[in-house]
Structures are given as C-alpha cells and as structure tokens.
C-alpha cells in the first residue's frame, strides 16, 4: 500500500508489507489471497512452531520468517493476528509499543468481546489502530498446509469496529478482506458474540460432546463402525482444533451458557414427547426444523 493518508480512498489499496502472527489456515489463506490479488509486497510470518513457519515459507505463504517483532511491525502496512484468541492479549502487548503510525491491525478470532477487551487493556492509545474481524471460513483442517488462496471467496467476514477507529483504518482493513474475496459486514462485539454463540459455538460444543460421549463407551469401536453419513456430517467439526475451541468456549462462556440452557430446554421438550409417545409433537418439531433449514440453504 502507499503508506499514509495517500493510500486511503484509492480504488485498490496495496500493502507493501503484511505481518502475520499464526500462518495456519486463517493466516496462511489471508496471505495467499492477497498474493493472488496482486496487492501485497512482502509477507512476514511469526509463530510458535519453527517447523510450521518453515513449511509456510516453502509453500510460498510467507516470504520470510520474522526474527524481530519490533522491527517488522514498525513499518508494516497491515498486521493480522491469526492465533487462538487466548494468545492475542500477549501479542497485543508485545506489538503495541512498536506499531508504525500508519500500521493497521486486525485479527481472525471467533470471539470479539474478549479480543476487544484485550486490545483496550494491552494496546493503550494504539487500540485505535486495531479493527477486530472474524472471518467465517474455518475448517477442521489446520496448519500451513491447509491454507488456500480461495478460502475466503464468497465467505462472510464480520468487522466489529471500535469507536476509536478512524474511517481510514476501517476502510483499509475492510478492503483487505474484500480483496481476499470476502463479503464484509459489521456488528458490535456484543451482537457478534451472541449471534455466534447460537450458530457456531453451540454446534461445535454439541459435536465435541457427542463424540466424547461415544469415545468413553466400551463398545465405541462397534458404534463407530456402523456410523454413516449423518454421524459424519454432524461430527465433522469435532475434528477442529481442541485448543482453539477451548479458548472460544471460555471466552464466550456467558452467551454460550445461555444458548446451552435454551438447547437443554429444547431437548427436555423432545424427551417428554418421546416418553409420552407423542408422535404429533415430534412431527411438528421436525417439520418446523426442516422448513427453516430448507429456507436457509436456499438463500
């Protein structure tokens, strides 16, 4: 990008230097997408695993492995925090004193209330340079090898801007995600966490719980040997990163507990209908669910 105010308002911004913390599925795909769009110069990667970073370099996701955080973020146009949300507070504290005046920061975290709180607590007045984001494009695969240049095409990315963000900062981050092919929208952090507790975090929790239940049974091998496509579809997301989903569940526990309570009430209704042999009530529940699901898939 042309660094500074001159970069704002152009038809296509360019990013001379992008620094990514976490070069797996989310961070790696972000880098590859910007490369494919032809708008990025150098991509620098940081992470906990030297082997993963080296793999990312060999795959052409990053140009080099970062050695000095302070030096690399000081002249970066854009910084992406693509680590589990539990690691972001420490990263924010590490990079904040060294951010360049025109450096903008975004993230790929699946929760936003905790990330926003971490930004205020650890970035001080540099929090205005941080525009929170959540790309809705996860998969059960992880690591640099899972990264794809087309991961974000047609997928939603939700921004939860801070009141302190300038229009230029929001536009620069929005444009980066749009260049990846994403459809970008905005919510408040609270709205985001309430929505995704219902439609993302709860389904993952239920999927993990079902597989965990079967895993503890003496006849689990027999059960799994007969499991077919329905079980595979429902439990696919239980193959996701345990560390990442541990952090997400803890970070959004209040909203998630509310959704879990509602779901348990729904299960109790179904339990009572089954116990009473109430076929009509079961059909009503199943029919409404089928109708709503069908309408959603046609959108």
Protein backbone atom coordinates (compact mmCIF):
# COMPACT_ATOMS: atom_id res chain seq x y z
CA UNK A 1 0.00 0.00 0.00
CA UNK A 2 1.07 3.58 -0.34
CA UNK A 3 1.73 4.19 3.35
CA UNK A 4 -0.11 7.08 4.99
CA UNK A 5 -3.13 9.17 4.02
CA UNK A 6 -2.42 8.87 0.30
CA UNK A 7 -3.39 5.20 0.44
CA UNK A 8 -6.91 5.98 1.63
CA UNK A 9 -9.63 6.35 -0.97
CA UNK A 10 -7.89 4.65 -3.85
CA UNK A 11 -9.74 2.07 -5.89
CA UNK A 12 -7.35 -0.71 -4.90
CA UNK A 13 -5.05 -0.33 -1.94
CA UNK A 14 -1.70 -2.06 -1.97
CA UNK A 15 0.09 -3.44 1.05
CA UNK A 16 3.86 -3.24 0.82
CA UNK A 17 4.36 -5.30 3.96
CA UNK A 18 1.97 -7.60 5.80
CA UNK A 19 2.94 -9.27 9.08
CA UNK A 20 1.02 -12.37 10.14
CA UNK A 21 1.09 -13.99 13.56
CA UNK A 22 -0.09 -17.56 13.01
CA UNK A 23 0.44 -18.86 9.47
CA UNK A 24 -2.06 -21.72 9.54
CA UNK A 25 -5.43 -21.99 7.83
CA UNK A 26 -6.69 -18.46 8.58
CA UNK A 27 -3.43 -16.52 8.43
CA UNK A 28 -1.94 -18.52 5.60
CA UNK A 29 -5.08 -18.24 3.46
CA UNK A 30 -5.15 -14.48 4.07
CA UNK A 31 -1.59 -14.17 2.77
CA UNK A 32 -2.24 -16.38 -0.26
CA UNK A 33 -5.42 -14.49 -1.12
CA UNK A 34 -3.66 -11.12 -1.03
CA UNK A 35 -0.89 -12.58 -3.18
CA UNK A 36 -3.39 -13.82 -5.72
CA UNK A 37 -4.97 -10.35 -5.80
CA UNK A 38 -1.55 -8.91 -6.57
CA UNK A 39 -1.72 -6.32 -3.81
CA UNK A 40 0.96 -7.43 -1.36
CA UNK A 41 4.71 -6.96 -1.49
CA UNK A 42 6.34 -8.79 1.38
CA UNK A 43 4.67 -11.17 3.84
CA UNK A 44 6.45 -11.85 7.13
CA UNK A 45 5.36 -14.68 9.41
CA UNK A 46 5.65 -15.22 13.14
CA UNK A 47 4.52 -18.23 15.14
CA UNK A 48 5.29 -20.69 17.93
CA UNK A 49 6.46 -23.51 15.67
CA UNK A 50 9.61 -23.05 13.63
CA UNK A 51 8.66 -26.12 11.58
CA UNK A 52 5.28 -24.60 10.65
CA UNK A 53 6.90 -21.30 9.74
CA UNK A 54 9.45 -23.05 7.55
CA UNK A 55 6.66 -25.01 5.87
CA UNK A 56 4.79 -21.76 5.24
CA UNK A 57 7.89 -20.27 3.66
CA UNK A 58 8.40 -23.31 1.44
CA UNK A 59 4.75 -23.20 0.37
CA UNK A 60 5.08 -19.56 -0.66
CA UNK A 61 2.70 -18.32 2.02
CA UNK A 62 5.31 -16.03 3.56
CA UNK A 63 8.45 -14.51 2.11
CA UNK A 64 10.46 -14.82 5.29
CA UNK A 65 10.23 -15.87 8.90
CA UNK A 66 10.19 -12.90 11.24
CA UNK A 67 13.04 -12.53 13.70
CA UNK A 68 12.39 -9.16 15.31
CA UNK A 69 8.78 -8.30 16.14
CA UNK A 70 9.52 -4.67 16.94
CA UNK A 71 11.32 -4.03 13.66
CA UNK A 72 8.80 -5.82 11.47
CA UNK A 73 5.61 -4.24 12.83
CA UNK A 74 7.11 -0.75 12.86
CA UNK A 75 6.92 -0.39 9.08
CA UNK A 76 4.14 -2.88 8.30
CA UNK A 77 1.05 -1.68 6.50
CA UNK A 78 -1.10 -4.42 7.99
CA UNK A 79 -0.74 -6.88 10.87
CA UNK A 80 -3.01 -9.93 11.19
CA UNK A 81 -3.36 -11.78 14.49
CA UNK A 82 -4.40 -15.27 13.38
CA UNK A 83 -3.61 -17.16 16.56
CA UNK A 84 -6.03 -18.75 19.04
CA UNK A 85 -7.82 -15.98 20.91
CA UNK A 86 -6.13 -16.95 24.17
CA UNK A 87 -2.77 -15.82 22.77
CA UNK A 88 -3.87 -12.43 21.46
CA UNK A 89 -3.56 -10.35 24.63
CA UNK A 90 0.14 -11.16 24.96
CA UNK A 91 0.72 -10.43 21.27
CA UNK A 92 -1.07 -7.10 21.51
CA UNK A 93 1.10 -6.08 24.45
CA UNK A 94 4.20 -7.13 22.51
CA UNK A 95 3.44 -5.24 19.30
CA UNK A 96 1.67 -2.11 20.60
CA UNK A 97 4.77 -0.06 21.53
CA UNK A 98 6.32 -0.65 18.12
CA UNK A 99 3.43 -0.11 15.70
CA UNK A 100 4.05 2.42 12.99
CA UNK A 101 1.76 5.43 12.78
CA UNK A 102 0.06 4.05 9.68
CA UNK A 103 0.14 0.38 10.65
CA UNK A 104 -3.31 -1.18 10.97
CA UNK A 105 -4.02 -4.36 12.90
CA UNK A 106 -6.83 -6.88 12.50
CA UNK A 107 -7.49 -10.39 13.74
CA UNK A 108 -9.23 -13.64 12.87
CA UNK A 109 -10.66 -14.51 16.28
CA UNK A 110 -14.01 -16.27 16.61
CA UNK A 111 -14.98 -14.23 19.67
CA UNK A 112 -14.89 -10.49 19.84
CA UNK A 113 -15.83 -9.22 23.30
CA UNK A 114 -12.71 -10.70 24.88
CA UNK A 115 -10.49 -9.62 21.99
CA UNK A 116 -11.77 -6.04 22.20
CA UNK A 117 -11.20 -6.02 25.97
CA UNK A 118 -7.68 -7.35 25.42
CA UNK A 119 -6.98 -4.58 22.91
CA UNK A 120 -8.03 -1.87 25.35
CA UNK A 121 -6.05 -3.48 28.17
CA UNK A 122 -2.86 -4.12 26.22
CA UNK A 123 -2.66 -1.61 23.37
CA UNK A 124 -3.44 1.65 25.14
CA UNK A 125 -3.94 4.51 22.69
CA UNK A 126 -2.78 2.20 19.90
CA UNK A 127 -6.09 0.34 20.21
CA UNK A 128 -7.43 2.83 17.67
CA UNK A 129 -5.22 1.09 15.09
CA UNK A 130 -6.88 -2.27 15.75
CA UNK A 131 -10.01 -3.19 13.76
CA UNK A 132 -11.39 -6.52 15.04
CA UNK A 133 -12.59 -9.06 12.49
CA UNK A 134 -13.96 -12.60 12.31
CA UNK A 135 -13.67 -14.50 9.01
CA UNK A 136 -16.46 -17.10 8.81
CA UNK A 137 -14.39 -19.54 6.83
CA UNK A 138 -12.99 -22.07 9.22
CA UNK A 139 -12.48 -25.76 8.56
CA UNK A 140 -11.50 -28.76 10.60
CA UNK A 141 -8.06 -28.80 8.98
CA UNK A 142 -5.33 -26.64 10.45
CA UNK A 143 -1.73 -25.72 9.80
CA UNK A 144 0.07 -24.08 6.90
CA UNK A 145 -0.64 -26.97 4.56
CA UNK A 146 -4.38 -26.32 4.92
CA UNK A 147 -4.11 -22.71 3.69
CA UNK A 148 -5.91 -21.93 0.41
CA UNK A 149 -5.91 -18.80 -1.72
CA UNK A 150 -9.65 -19.17 -2.36
CA UNK A 151 -10.72 -19.87 1.24
CA UNK A 152 -12.48 -16.53 1.69
CA UNK A 153 -14.20 -16.22 -1.68
CA UNK A 154 -17.89 -15.58 -1.06
CA UNK A 155 -17.48 -16.11 2.70
CA UNK A 156 -18.60 -13.64 5.34
CA UNK A 157 -16.18 -11.59 7.39
CA UNK A 158 -17.65 -9.64 10.31
CA UNK A 159 -15.94 -6.47 11.49
CA UNK A 160 -16.64 -5.17 15.00
CA UNK A 161 -15.06 -1.71 14.80
CA UNK A 162 -14.07 0.24 17.90
CA UNK A 163 -15.41 3.76 18.49
CA UNK A 164 -11.79 4.93 18.34
CA UNK A 165 -11.21 3.52 14.83
CA UNK A 166 -10.88 6.13 12.13
CA UNK A 167 -12.84 5.72 8.89
CA UNK A 168 -9.49 5.21 7.15
CA UNK A 169 -8.49 2.35 9.46
CA UNK A 170 -11.83 0.60 9.00
CA UNK A 171 -11.69 1.08 5.23
CA UNK A 172 -8.16 -0.28 4.99
CA UNK A 173 -8.98 -3.44 6.94
CA UNK A 174 -12.32 -3.91 5.16
CA UNK A 175 -10.62 -3.57 1.80
CA UNK A 176 -8.01 -6.19 2.67
CA UNK A 177 -10.69 -8.75 3.47
CA UNK A 178 -12.65 -7.79 0.34
CA UNK A 179 -9.52 -8.32 -1.75
CA UNK A 180 -9.49 -11.86 -0.33
CA UNK A 181 -12.94 -12.33 -1.88
CA UNK A 182 -14.92 -11.99 1.35
CA UNK A 183 -18.30 -10.35 1.87
CA UNK A 184 -17.76 -7.94 4.75
CA UNK A 185 -20.39 -6.80 7.26
CA UNK A 186 -20.33 -5.12 10.66
CA UNK A 187 -21.75 -5.86 14.11
CA UNK A 188 -20.99 -4.69 17.61
CA UNK A 189 -18.79 -7.06 19.60
CA UNK A 190 -21.73 -8.00 21.83
CA UNK A 191 -24.02 -8.68 18.87
CA UNK A 192 -21.31 -10.79 17.28
CA UNK A 193 -20.76 -12.97 20.33
CA UNK A 194 -24.48 -13.52 20.90
CA UNK A 195 -25.05 -14.50 17.28
CA UNK A 196 -22.12 -16.87 17.03
CA UNK A 197 -22.80 -18.49 20.38
CA UNK A 198 -26.03 -19.73 18.79
CA UNK A 199 -24.96 -20.65 15.28
CA UNK A 200 -21.30 -21.64 15.68
CA UNK A 201 -20.06 -22.13 19.21
CA UNK A 202 -23.02 -24.22 20.42
CA UNK A 203 -22.90 -26.59 17.39
CA UNK A 204 -19.19 -27.17 17.97
CA UNK A 205 -19.79 -27.82 21.66
CA UNK A 206 -22.53 -30.35 20.84
CA UNK A 207 -20.40 -32.09 18.24
CA UNK A 208 -17.47 -32.45 20.63
CA UNK A 209 -19.85 -33.68 23.34
CA UNK A 210 -21.40 -36.39 21.18
CA UNK A 211 -18.05 -37.79 20.07
CA UNK A 212 -16.70 -37.57 23.61
CA UNK A 213 -19.72 -39.50 24.89
CA UNK A 214 -19.17 -42.32 22.39
CA UNK A 215 -15.42 -42.30 22.99
CA UNK A 216 -15.95 -43.27 26.63
CA UNK A 217 -18.12 -46.30 25.88
CA UNK A 218 -16.73 -49.81 25.97
CA UNK A 219 -18.25 -50.58 22.57
CA UNK A 220 -17.14 -47.38 20.86
CA UNK A 221 -15.34 -49.22 18.05
CA UNK A 222 -18.50 -51.14 17.24
CA UNK A 223 -20.61 -47.97 17.34
CA UNK A 224 -18.24 -46.07 15.07
CA UNK A 225 -18.02 -48.99 12.63
CA UNK A 226 -21.73 -48.55 11.90
CA UNK A 227 -21.74 -44.74 11.84
CA UNK A 228 -22.68 -43.40 8.42
CA UNK A 229 -23.03 -40.05 6.66
CA UNK A 230 -25.39 -38.49 9.21
CA UNK A 231 -22.91 -39.04 12.02
CA UNK A 232 -20.04 -37.91 9.80
CA UNK A 233 -21.82 -34.68 8.86
CA UNK A 234 -22.81 -33.83 12.42
CA UNK A 235 -19.43 -34.60 13.94
CA UNK A 236 -17.16 -33.18 11.21
CA UNK A 237 -16.49 -30.07 13.28
CA UNK A 238 -15.35 -32.19 16.25
CA UNK A 239 -12.15 -32.67 14.24
CA UNK A 240 -11.38 -28.96 14.78
CA UNK A 241 -8.54 -27.68 16.96
CA UNK A 242 -9.21 -28.51 20.65
CA UNK A 243 -7.01 -25.61 21.77
CA UNK A 244 -8.82 -23.08 19.60
CA UNK A 245 -12.28 -24.24 20.65
CA UNK A 246 -11.31 -24.41 24.30
CA UNK A 247 -10.36 -20.74 24.09
CA UNK A 248 -13.53 -19.82 22.19
CA UNK A 249 -15.84 -21.57 24.66
CA UNK A 250 -14.19 -19.97 27.68
CA UNK A 251 -14.03 -16.55 26.06
CA UNK A 252 -17.73 -16.56 25.12
CA UNK A 253 -18.96 -18.64 28.03
CA UNK A 254 -21.74 -16.27 29.17
CA UNK A 255 -23.50 -16.20 25.80
CA UNK A 256 -22.72 -19.87 25.25
CA UNK A 257 -24.17 -20.88 28.62
CA UNK A 258 -27.37 -19.07 27.68
CA UNK A 259 -27.60 -20.90 24.37
CA UNK A 260 -26.78 -24.22 26.04
CA UNK A 261 -29.58 -23.66 28.57
CA UNK A 262 -32.06 -22.98 25.74
CA UNK A 263 -30.92 -26.09 23.92
CA UNK A 264 -31.29 -28.21 27.05
CA UNK A 265 -34.87 -26.95 27.37
CA UNK A 266 -35.49 -27.98 23.77
CA UNK A 267 -34.05 -31.43 24.48
CA UNK A 268 -36.33 -31.70 27.50
CA UNK A 269 -39.37 -30.99 25.32
CA UNK A 270 -38.26 -33.71 22.90
CA UNK A 271 -37.55 -36.05 25.82
CA UNK A 272 -41.06 -35.57 27.16
CA UNK A 273 -42.61 -36.09 23.72
CA UNK A 274 -40.67 -39.32 23.28
CA UNK A 275 -41.57 -40.55 26.76
CA UNK A 276 -45.23 -39.84 26.09
CA UNK A 277 -45.13 -41.36 22.62
CA UNK A 278 -46.40 -38.04 21.26
CA UNK A 279 -45.81 -38.53 17.54
CA UNK A 280 -47.69 -35.35 16.61
CA UNK A 281 -45.44 -33.11 18.69
CA UNK A 282 -42.33 -34.76 17.31
CA UNK A 283 -43.59 -34.23 13.77
CA UNK A 284 -44.34 -30.56 14.50
CA UNK A 285 -40.82 -30.04 15.84
CA UNK A 286 -39.18 -31.88 12.96
CA UNK A 287 -41.35 -30.17 10.32
CA UNK A 288 -40.54 -26.65 11.52
CA UNK A 289 -36.86 -27.52 11.73
CA UNK A 290 -36.90 -28.93 8.21
CA UNK A 291 -38.71 -25.86 6.83
CA UNK A 292 -36.31 -23.38 8.41
CA UNK A 293 -33.27 -25.43 7.37
CA UNK A 294 -34.54 -25.69 3.81
CA UNK A 295 -35.21 -21.98 3.50
CA UNK A 296 -31.76 -21.18 4.89
CA UNK A 297 -29.90 -23.41 2.43
CA UNK A 298 -31.72 -21.76 -0.48
CA UNK A 299 -30.55 -18.26 0.48
